[in-house]
C-alpha cells in the first residue's frame, strides 16, 4: 500500500517558478522521479486557487494535477478549519491554509506537502495542529516540504 501525499498549491506553483530555481528544480525532480511512489491528492481548493492564476501558467498548473485524486470540501472540513481559526492556530486571513490542513487531516493523508514555511511548514505551527487534531479526534499529517521526500 502506498503512502498518501496532499500537494498544497505552493508545490504545484513551484513546478513552473523560474524565480527560485532550487525550489523549481527539486519540485520537478520529485514529480518526475518519486511522486509515482505515492497516492497523490489535491483538492477542489487547490484547483480553484490554480484557476485564478493568469496564463500562460494556469493551463500548465492545472495539467499537473489532472491525475491526482481530488478531495472535496465538506462540512466536517469546514468545521475543523474553523476550529483552527478559533483556537488561533491560523489567522482568519489565512483561511485557505487552514482548509488545506483540514482536508488532509480529515482524509487521513500521510504527508501534507508544501513550500509555505510561514504558515504551514514550521514546527511550532505543526505542534499546535497536532495537539488540536489529537484532542478533537482527527489524524495529523506530517507537514513537510518536497525535499524531505526526494531520494539521494
N, C-alpha and C. Protein backbone atom coordinates (compact mmCIF):
# COMPACT_ATOMS: atom_id res chain seq x y z
N UNK A 1 0.84 -1.19 0.00
CA UNK A 1 0.00 0.00 0.00
C UNK A 1 0.88 1.25 0.00
N UNK A 2 0.57 2.17 -0.88
CA UNK A 2 1.34 3.41 -0.99
C UNK A 2 0.95 4.39 0.11
N UNK A 3 1.92 5.19 0.52
CA UNK A 3 1.62 6.32 1.40
C UNK A 3 0.94 7.40 0.58
N UNK A 4 0.17 8.24 1.24
CA UNK A 4 -0.55 9.29 0.53
C UNK A 4 0.10 10.65 0.76
N UNK A 5 0.02 11.51 -0.27
CA UNK A 5 0.52 12.88 -0.19
C UNK A 5 -0.56 13.84 -0.67
N UNK A 6 -0.71 14.93 0.05
CA UNK A 6 -1.59 16.03 -0.36
C UNK A 6 -0.68 17.16 -0.80
N UNK A 7 -0.79 17.57 -2.05
CA UNK A 7 0.05 18.64 -2.57
C UNK A 7 -0.72 19.95 -2.52
N UNK A 8 -0.28 20.80 -1.63
CA UNK A 8 -0.85 22.13 -1.46
C UNK A 8 -0.39 23.00 -2.65
N UNK A 9 -1.09 24.06 -2.91
CA UNK A 9 -0.91 24.88 -4.12
C UNK A 9 0.52 25.37 -4.31
N UNK A 10 1.25 25.67 -3.25
CA UNK A 10 2.61 26.19 -3.40
C UNK A 10 3.54 25.19 -4.07
N UNK A 11 3.29 23.91 -3.90
CA UNK A 11 4.12 22.88 -4.52
C UNK A 11 3.86 22.84 -6.02
N UNK A 12 2.61 22.92 -6.40
CA UNK A 12 2.26 22.97 -7.82
C UNK A 12 2.87 24.22 -8.44
N UNK A 13 2.75 25.34 -7.75
CA UNK A 13 3.29 26.61 -8.25
C UNK A 13 4.80 26.59 -8.44
N UNK A 14 5.49 25.86 -7.58
CA UNK A 14 6.96 25.81 -7.67
C UNK A 14 7.43 25.12 -8.93
N UNK A 15 6.61 24.25 -9.49
CA UNK A 15 7.00 23.48 -10.68
C UNK A 15 7.36 24.39 -11.86
N UNK A 16 6.69 25.52 -11.98
CA UNK A 16 6.94 26.44 -13.11
C UNK A 16 7.53 27.77 -12.66
N UNK A 17 8.02 27.83 -11.43
CA UNK A 17 8.51 29.10 -10.87
C UNK A 17 9.99 29.30 -11.19
N UNK A 18 10.27 30.17 -12.14
CA UNK A 18 11.65 30.44 -12.53
C UNK A 18 12.37 31.40 -11.58
N UNK A 19 11.66 31.98 -10.63
CA UNK A 19 12.29 32.93 -9.71
C UNK A 19 13.08 32.22 -8.60
N UNK A 20 12.78 30.96 -8.33
CA UNK A 20 13.50 30.19 -7.33
C UNK A 20 13.88 28.85 -7.97
N UNK A 21 15.05 28.84 -8.62
CA UNK A 21 15.43 27.66 -9.40
C UNK A 21 15.69 26.43 -8.53
N UNK A 22 16.20 26.61 -7.31
CA UNK A 22 16.41 25.45 -6.43
C UNK A 22 15.07 24.77 -6.15
N UNK A 23 14.11 25.56 -5.73
CA UNK A 23 12.79 25.02 -5.40
C UNK A 23 12.13 24.39 -6.63
N UNK A 24 12.22 25.09 -7.77
CA UNK A 24 11.64 24.58 -9.01
C UNK A 24 12.28 23.25 -9.41
N UNK A 25 13.61 23.21 -9.44
CA UNK A 25 14.30 22.01 -9.89
C UNK A 25 14.06 20.83 -8.96
N UNK A 26 14.03 21.07 -7.67
CA UNK A 26 13.76 20.00 -6.71
C UNK A 26 12.33 19.49 -6.87
N UNK A 27 11.40 20.40 -7.07
CA UNK A 27 10.00 20.02 -7.26
C UNK A 27 9.83 19.19 -8.53
N UNK A 28 10.44 19.64 -9.62
CA UNK A 28 10.36 18.89 -10.88
C UNK A 28 10.97 17.51 -10.71
N UNK A 29 12.13 17.45 -10.08
CA UNK A 29 12.79 16.16 -9.87
C UNK A 29 11.89 15.22 -9.07
N UNK A 30 11.28 15.72 -8.01
CA UNK A 30 10.41 14.89 -7.19
C UNK A 30 9.19 14.43 -7.98
N UNK A 31 8.57 15.34 -8.73
CA UNK A 31 7.40 14.98 -9.55
C UNK A 31 7.78 13.87 -10.53
N UNK A 32 8.89 14.04 -11.21
CA UNK A 32 9.25 13.13 -12.29
C UNK A 32 9.83 11.80 -11.82
N UNK A 33 10.49 11.79 -10.68
CA UNK A 33 11.18 10.57 -10.23
C UNK A 33 10.50 9.83 -9.10
N UNK A 34 9.85 10.55 -8.20
CA UNK A 34 9.37 9.89 -6.99
C UNK A 34 7.88 10.01 -6.70
N UNK A 35 7.19 10.94 -7.30
CA UNK A 35 5.78 11.14 -6.97
C UNK A 35 4.94 9.89 -7.23
N UNK A 36 5.31 9.11 -8.23
CA UNK A 36 4.56 7.89 -8.55
C UNK A 36 4.60 6.86 -7.42
N UNK A 37 5.51 7.01 -6.49
CA UNK A 37 5.58 6.09 -5.35
C UNK A 37 4.46 6.33 -4.33
N UNK A 38 3.73 7.43 -4.50
CA UNK A 38 2.70 7.83 -3.54
C UNK A 38 1.33 7.90 -4.21
N UNK A 39 0.29 7.81 -3.41
CA UNK A 39 -1.04 8.16 -3.87
C UNK A 39 -1.15 9.67 -3.72
N UNK A 40 -1.23 10.37 -4.84
CA UNK A 40 -1.20 11.84 -4.83
C UNK A 40 -2.61 12.42 -4.81
N UNK A 41 -2.78 13.39 -3.93
CA UNK A 41 -4.07 14.07 -3.77
C UNK A 41 -3.89 15.57 -3.86
N UNK A 42 -4.88 16.21 -4.44
CA UNK A 42 -5.04 17.67 -4.34
C UNK A 42 -6.50 17.84 -3.90
N UNK A 43 -7.05 19.00 -4.11
CA UNK A 43 -8.42 19.22 -3.67
C UNK A 43 -9.11 20.22 -4.58
N UNK A 44 -10.39 20.34 -4.35
CA UNK A 44 -11.17 21.36 -5.04
C UNK A 44 -10.57 22.73 -4.77
N UNK A 45 -10.10 22.96 -3.56
CA UNK A 45 -9.50 24.24 -3.21
C UNK A 45 -8.23 24.49 -4.01
N UNK A 46 -7.37 23.50 -4.15
CA UNK A 46 -6.16 23.64 -4.96
C UNK A 46 -6.54 24.02 -6.38
N UNK A 47 -7.50 23.28 -6.97
CA UNK A 47 -7.92 23.57 -8.34
C UNK A 47 -8.44 25.00 -8.46
N UNK A 48 -9.26 25.43 -7.52
CA UNK A 48 -9.80 26.81 -7.57
C UNK A 48 -8.69 27.85 -7.47
N UNK A 49 -7.71 27.60 -6.61
CA UNK A 49 -6.59 28.55 -6.49
C UNK A 49 -5.79 28.60 -7.80
N UNK A 50 -5.58 27.46 -8.42
CA UNK A 50 -4.84 27.43 -9.68
C UNK A 50 -5.62 28.08 -10.82
N UNK A 51 -6.93 27.95 -10.79
CA UNK A 51 -7.76 28.56 -11.83
C UNK A 51 -7.70 30.08 -11.80
N UNK A 52 -7.31 30.67 -10.69
CA UNK A 52 -7.21 32.14 -10.56
C UNK A 52 -5.89 32.68 -11.08
N UNK A 53 -4.95 31.80 -11.42
CA UNK A 53 -3.63 32.23 -11.91
C UNK A 53 -3.75 32.61 -13.38
N UNK A 54 -3.03 33.63 -13.76
CA UNK A 54 -3.04 34.08 -15.15
C UNK A 54 -2.33 33.08 -16.05
N UNK A 55 -2.73 33.10 -17.32
CA UNK A 55 -2.00 32.33 -18.33
C UNK A 55 -0.67 33.03 -18.56
N UNK A 56 0.37 32.38 -19.00
CA UNK A 56 0.37 31.04 -19.57
C UNK A 56 0.50 29.92 -18.53
N UNK A 57 0.67 30.24 -17.27
CA UNK A 57 0.92 29.19 -16.26
C UNK A 57 -0.32 28.41 -15.86
N UNK A 58 -1.49 29.05 -15.87
CA UNK A 58 -2.70 28.38 -15.37
C UNK A 58 -2.90 27.00 -16.02
N UNK A 59 -2.83 26.93 -17.33
CA UNK A 59 -3.06 25.67 -18.03
C UNK A 59 -2.03 24.62 -17.62
N UNK A 60 -0.77 25.02 -17.51
CA UNK A 60 0.29 24.09 -17.10
C UNK A 60 0.08 23.58 -15.70
N UNK A 61 -0.30 24.47 -14.79
CA UNK A 61 -0.54 24.05 -13.41
C UNK A 61 -1.71 23.06 -13.33
N UNK A 62 -2.79 23.38 -14.01
CA UNK A 62 -3.96 22.51 -13.97
C UNK A 62 -3.66 21.15 -14.59
N UNK A 63 -2.81 21.13 -15.60
CA UNK A 63 -2.41 19.86 -16.22
C UNK A 63 -1.63 18.99 -15.23
N UNK A 64 -0.85 19.63 -14.35
CA UNK A 64 -0.05 18.88 -13.37
C UNK A 64 -0.92 18.08 -12.41
N UNK A 65 -2.11 18.57 -12.11
CA UNK A 65 -2.96 17.90 -11.11
C UNK A 65 -4.04 17.01 -11.71
N UNK A 66 -4.08 16.87 -13.03
CA UNK A 66 -5.17 16.10 -13.65
C UNK A 66 -5.21 14.64 -13.20
N UNK A 67 -4.08 14.04 -12.91
CA UNK A 67 -4.07 12.64 -12.50
C UNK A 67 -4.10 12.44 -10.99
N UNK A 68 -4.19 13.54 -10.24
CA UNK A 68 -4.28 13.43 -8.79
C UNK A 68 -5.72 13.11 -8.39
N UNK A 69 -5.87 12.42 -7.29
CA UNK A 69 -7.19 12.25 -6.69
C UNK A 69 -7.60 13.61 -6.12
N UNK A 70 -8.81 14.04 -6.40
CA UNK A 70 -9.25 15.35 -5.90
C UNK A 70 -10.20 15.18 -4.72
N UNK A 71 -9.80 15.74 -3.59
CA UNK A 71 -10.60 15.69 -2.37
C UNK A 71 -11.56 16.87 -2.36
N UNK A 72 -12.78 16.60 -1.98
CA UNK A 72 -13.82 17.62 -1.95
C UNK A 72 -13.84 18.33 -0.59
N UNK A 73 -14.37 19.52 -0.62
CA UNK A 73 -14.63 20.24 0.63
C UNK A 73 -15.90 19.64 1.23
N UNK A 74 -15.96 19.58 2.53
CA UNK A 74 -17.14 19.04 3.20
C UNK A 74 -17.44 19.88 4.43
N UNK A 75 -18.59 19.64 5.00
CA UNK A 75 -18.96 20.36 6.22
C UNK A 75 -17.97 20.07 7.35
N UNK A 76 -17.53 18.82 7.46
CA UNK A 76 -16.58 18.44 8.50
C UNK A 76 -15.25 19.16 8.34
N UNK A 77 -14.79 19.28 7.09
CA UNK A 77 -13.55 20.00 6.80
C UNK A 77 -13.70 21.47 7.22
N UNK A 78 -14.83 22.07 6.90
CA UNK A 78 -15.09 23.46 7.29
C UNK A 78 -15.10 23.65 8.80
N UNK A 79 -15.70 22.71 9.51
CA UNK A 79 -15.74 22.79 10.97
C UNK A 79 -14.34 22.66 11.56
N UNK A 80 -13.54 21.74 11.02
CA UNK A 80 -12.17 21.56 11.50
C UNK A 80 -11.34 22.82 11.23
N UNK A 81 -11.46 23.38 10.03
CA UNK A 81 -10.73 24.61 9.69
C UNK A 81 -11.14 25.76 10.61
N UNK A 82 -12.42 25.85 10.89
CA UNK A 82 -12.90 26.90 11.80
C UNK A 82 -12.35 26.69 13.20
N UNK A 83 -12.18 25.44 13.60
CA UNK A 83 -11.55 25.14 14.90
C UNK A 83 -10.12 25.65 14.96
N UNK A 84 -9.37 25.49 13.87
CA UNK A 84 -8.01 26.02 13.81
C UNK A 84 -8.00 27.53 13.99
N UNK A 85 -8.95 28.18 13.36
CA UNK A 85 -9.01 29.65 13.44
C UNK A 85 -9.46 30.11 14.82
N UNK A 86 -10.49 29.47 15.36
CA UNK A 86 -11.00 29.90 16.67
C UNK A 86 -9.98 29.67 17.78
N UNK A 87 -9.06 28.72 17.61
CA UNK A 87 -8.02 28.46 18.60
C UNK A 87 -6.75 29.27 18.33
N UNK A 88 -6.77 30.08 17.28
CA UNK A 88 -5.62 30.93 16.98
C UNK A 88 -4.47 30.21 16.29
N UNK A 89 -4.72 29.01 15.81
CA UNK A 89 -3.67 28.28 15.09
C UNK A 89 -3.41 28.96 13.75
N UNK A 90 -4.47 29.41 13.10
CA UNK A 90 -4.39 30.19 11.87
C UNK A 90 -5.16 31.48 12.05
N UNK A 91 -4.66 32.56 11.52
CA UNK A 91 -5.40 33.81 11.47
C UNK A 91 -6.46 33.68 10.38
N UNK A 92 -7.58 34.33 10.56
CA UNK A 92 -8.69 34.23 9.61
C UNK A 92 -8.26 34.58 8.18
N UNK A 93 -7.30 35.50 8.01
CA UNK A 93 -6.91 35.86 6.64
C UNK A 93 -6.15 34.72 5.95
N UNK A 94 -5.77 33.69 6.71
CA UNK A 94 -5.13 32.51 6.14
C UNK A 94 -6.08 31.30 6.18
N UNK A 95 -7.35 31.59 5.97
CA UNK A 95 -8.38 30.56 5.99
C UNK A 95 -8.07 29.44 5.00
N UNK A 96 -7.57 29.77 3.81
CA UNK A 96 -7.26 28.74 2.82
C UNK A 96 -6.23 27.76 3.36
N UNK A 97 -5.21 28.25 4.06
CA UNK A 97 -4.21 27.36 4.65
C UNK A 97 -4.86 26.43 5.68
N UNK A 98 -5.76 26.97 6.49
CA UNK A 98 -6.47 26.16 7.48
C UNK A 98 -7.31 25.09 6.80
N UNK A 99 -7.94 25.45 5.69
CA UNK A 99 -8.77 24.48 4.96
C UNK A 99 -7.90 23.38 4.34
N UNK A 100 -6.75 23.77 3.77
CA UNK A 100 -5.85 22.75 3.21
C UNK A 100 -5.47 21.72 4.28
N UNK A 101 -5.07 22.19 5.45
CA UNK A 101 -4.67 21.27 6.53
C UNK A 101 -5.87 20.44 6.97
N UNK A 102 -7.03 21.06 7.07
CA UNK A 102 -8.24 20.34 7.48
C UNK A 102 -8.59 19.24 6.48
N UNK A 103 -8.43 19.51 5.20
CA UNK A 103 -8.71 18.50 4.17
C UNK A 103 -7.79 17.29 4.37
N UNK A 104 -6.49 17.56 4.50
CA UNK A 104 -5.52 16.46 4.66
C UNK A 104 -5.76 15.71 5.97
N UNK A 105 -6.11 16.42 7.02
CA UNK A 105 -6.37 15.79 8.31
C UNK A 105 -7.62 14.92 8.26
N UNK A 106 -8.69 15.47 7.74
CA UNK A 106 -9.96 14.74 7.68
C UNK A 106 -9.84 13.47 6.85
N UNK A 107 -9.09 13.54 5.76
CA UNK A 107 -8.94 12.39 4.86
C UNK A 107 -7.76 11.48 5.20
N UNK A 108 -7.12 11.76 6.33
CA UNK A 108 -6.02 10.93 6.85
C UNK A 108 -4.89 10.74 5.83
N UNK A 109 -4.46 11.85 5.26
CA UNK A 109 -3.36 11.85 4.31
C UNK A 109 -2.05 11.79 5.11
N UNK A 110 -1.13 10.94 4.68
CA UNK A 110 0.12 10.74 5.43
C UNK A 110 1.00 11.99 5.43
N UNK A 111 1.23 12.57 4.24
CA UNK A 111 2.13 13.72 4.12
C UNK A 111 1.42 14.90 3.47
N UNK A 112 1.44 16.02 4.15
CA UNK A 112 0.95 17.29 3.61
C UNK A 112 2.19 18.01 3.08
N UNK A 113 2.28 18.16 1.76
CA UNK A 113 3.49 18.68 1.13
C UNK A 113 3.26 20.14 0.72
N UNK A 114 4.16 21.01 1.18
CA UNK A 114 4.02 22.45 0.95
C UNK A 114 5.39 23.11 0.86
N UNK A 115 5.43 24.25 0.21
CA UNK A 115 6.61 25.11 0.26
C UNK A 115 6.32 26.34 1.13
N UNK A 116 5.20 26.38 1.78
CA UNK A 116 4.80 27.53 2.60
C UNK A 116 5.39 27.38 4.01
N UNK A 117 6.55 28.00 4.21
CA UNK A 117 7.21 27.92 5.51
C UNK A 117 6.55 28.84 6.54
N UNK A 118 5.99 29.93 6.11
CA UNK A 118 5.44 30.91 7.03
C UNK A 118 4.24 30.42 7.81
N UNK A 119 3.29 29.75 7.13
CA UNK A 119 2.05 29.37 7.79
C UNK A 119 1.83 27.88 7.91
N UNK A 120 2.70 27.09 7.30
CA UNK A 120 2.44 25.66 7.32
C UNK A 120 3.65 24.82 7.75
N UNK A 121 4.74 24.92 7.04
CA UNK A 121 5.89 24.04 7.28
C UNK A 121 6.83 24.62 8.33
N UNK A 122 6.32 24.79 9.52
CA UNK A 122 7.19 25.18 10.64
C UNK A 122 6.77 24.39 11.88
N UNK A 123 7.73 24.07 12.71
CA UNK A 123 7.49 23.13 13.80
C UNK A 123 6.50 23.66 14.84
N UNK A 124 6.48 24.94 15.08
CA UNK A 124 5.54 25.48 16.07
C UNK A 124 4.10 25.33 15.60
N UNK A 125 3.87 25.64 14.33
CA UNK A 125 2.52 25.50 13.77
C UNK A 125 2.11 24.02 13.77
N UNK A 126 3.03 23.16 13.38
CA UNK A 126 2.72 21.73 13.33
C UNK A 126 2.38 21.18 14.70
N UNK A 127 3.09 21.62 15.72
CA UNK A 127 2.82 21.14 17.08
C UNK A 127 1.41 21.55 17.51
N UNK A 128 1.02 22.77 17.20
CA UNK A 128 -0.32 23.24 17.57
C UNK A 128 -1.41 22.49 16.81
N UNK A 129 -1.16 22.23 15.53
CA UNK A 129 -2.12 21.46 14.72
C UNK A 129 -2.25 20.05 15.29
N UNK A 130 -1.12 19.42 15.58
CA UNK A 130 -1.12 18.05 16.11
C UNK A 130 -1.87 17.98 17.44
N UNK A 131 -1.61 18.94 18.32
CA UNK A 131 -2.28 18.97 19.62
C UNK A 131 -3.80 19.13 19.46
N UNK A 132 -4.20 20.06 18.58
CA UNK A 132 -5.64 20.28 18.35
C UNK A 132 -6.28 19.05 17.71
N UNK A 133 -5.65 18.51 16.67
CA UNK A 133 -6.22 17.35 15.99
C UNK A 133 -6.37 16.16 16.93
N UNK A 134 -5.36 15.94 17.76
CA UNK A 134 -5.42 14.82 18.71
C UNK A 134 -6.58 15.01 19.68
N UNK A 135 -6.72 16.21 20.22
CA UNK A 135 -7.81 16.49 21.17
C UNK A 135 -9.18 16.36 20.51
N UNK A 136 -9.26 16.72 19.22
CA UNK A 136 -10.53 16.68 18.50
C UNK A 136 -10.79 15.32 17.84
N UNK A 137 -9.83 14.39 17.95
CA UNK A 137 -10.02 13.06 17.39
C UNK A 137 -9.72 12.94 15.91
N UNK A 138 -8.88 13.83 15.38
CA UNK A 138 -8.53 13.79 13.97
C UNK A 138 -7.08 13.35 13.78
N UNK A 139 -6.82 12.80 12.62
CA UNK A 139 -5.48 12.42 12.20
C UNK A 139 -4.64 13.68 11.97
N UNK A 140 -3.34 13.59 12.18
CA UNK A 140 -2.43 14.71 11.90
C UNK A 140 -1.40 14.28 10.86
N UNK A 141 -1.50 14.85 9.66
CA UNK A 141 -0.50 14.51 8.64
C UNK A 141 0.85 15.14 8.99
N UNK A 142 1.92 14.53 8.52
CA UNK A 142 3.24 15.15 8.64
C UNK A 142 3.29 16.28 7.61
N UNK A 143 3.60 17.49 8.06
CA UNK A 143 3.67 18.64 7.16
C UNK A 143 5.13 18.85 6.79
N UNK A 144 5.44 18.65 5.51
CA UNK A 144 6.81 18.66 5.06
C UNK A 144 6.96 19.38 3.72
N UNK A 145 8.20 19.67 3.35
CA UNK A 145 8.50 20.23 2.04
C UNK A 145 8.92 19.06 1.13
N UNK A 146 8.86 19.25 -0.19
CA UNK A 146 9.23 18.16 -1.10
C UNK A 146 10.63 17.61 -0.88
N UNK A 147 11.55 18.44 -0.39
CA UNK A 147 12.91 17.97 -0.22
C UNK A 147 13.03 16.79 0.75
N UNK A 148 12.03 16.63 1.65
CA UNK A 148 12.05 15.51 2.58
C UNK A 148 11.61 14.21 1.94
N UNK A 149 11.09 14.28 0.72
CA UNK A 149 10.64 13.08 0.01
C UNK A 149 11.53 12.71 -1.17
N UNK A 150 12.58 13.47 -1.41
CA UNK A 150 13.49 13.21 -2.52
C UNK A 150 14.55 12.21 -2.06
N UNK A 151 14.74 11.18 -2.87
CA UNK A 151 15.79 10.19 -2.57
C UNK A 151 17.13 10.73 -3.01
N UNK A 152 18.19 10.19 -2.43
CA UNK A 152 19.54 10.58 -2.83
C UNK A 152 19.85 10.14 -4.24
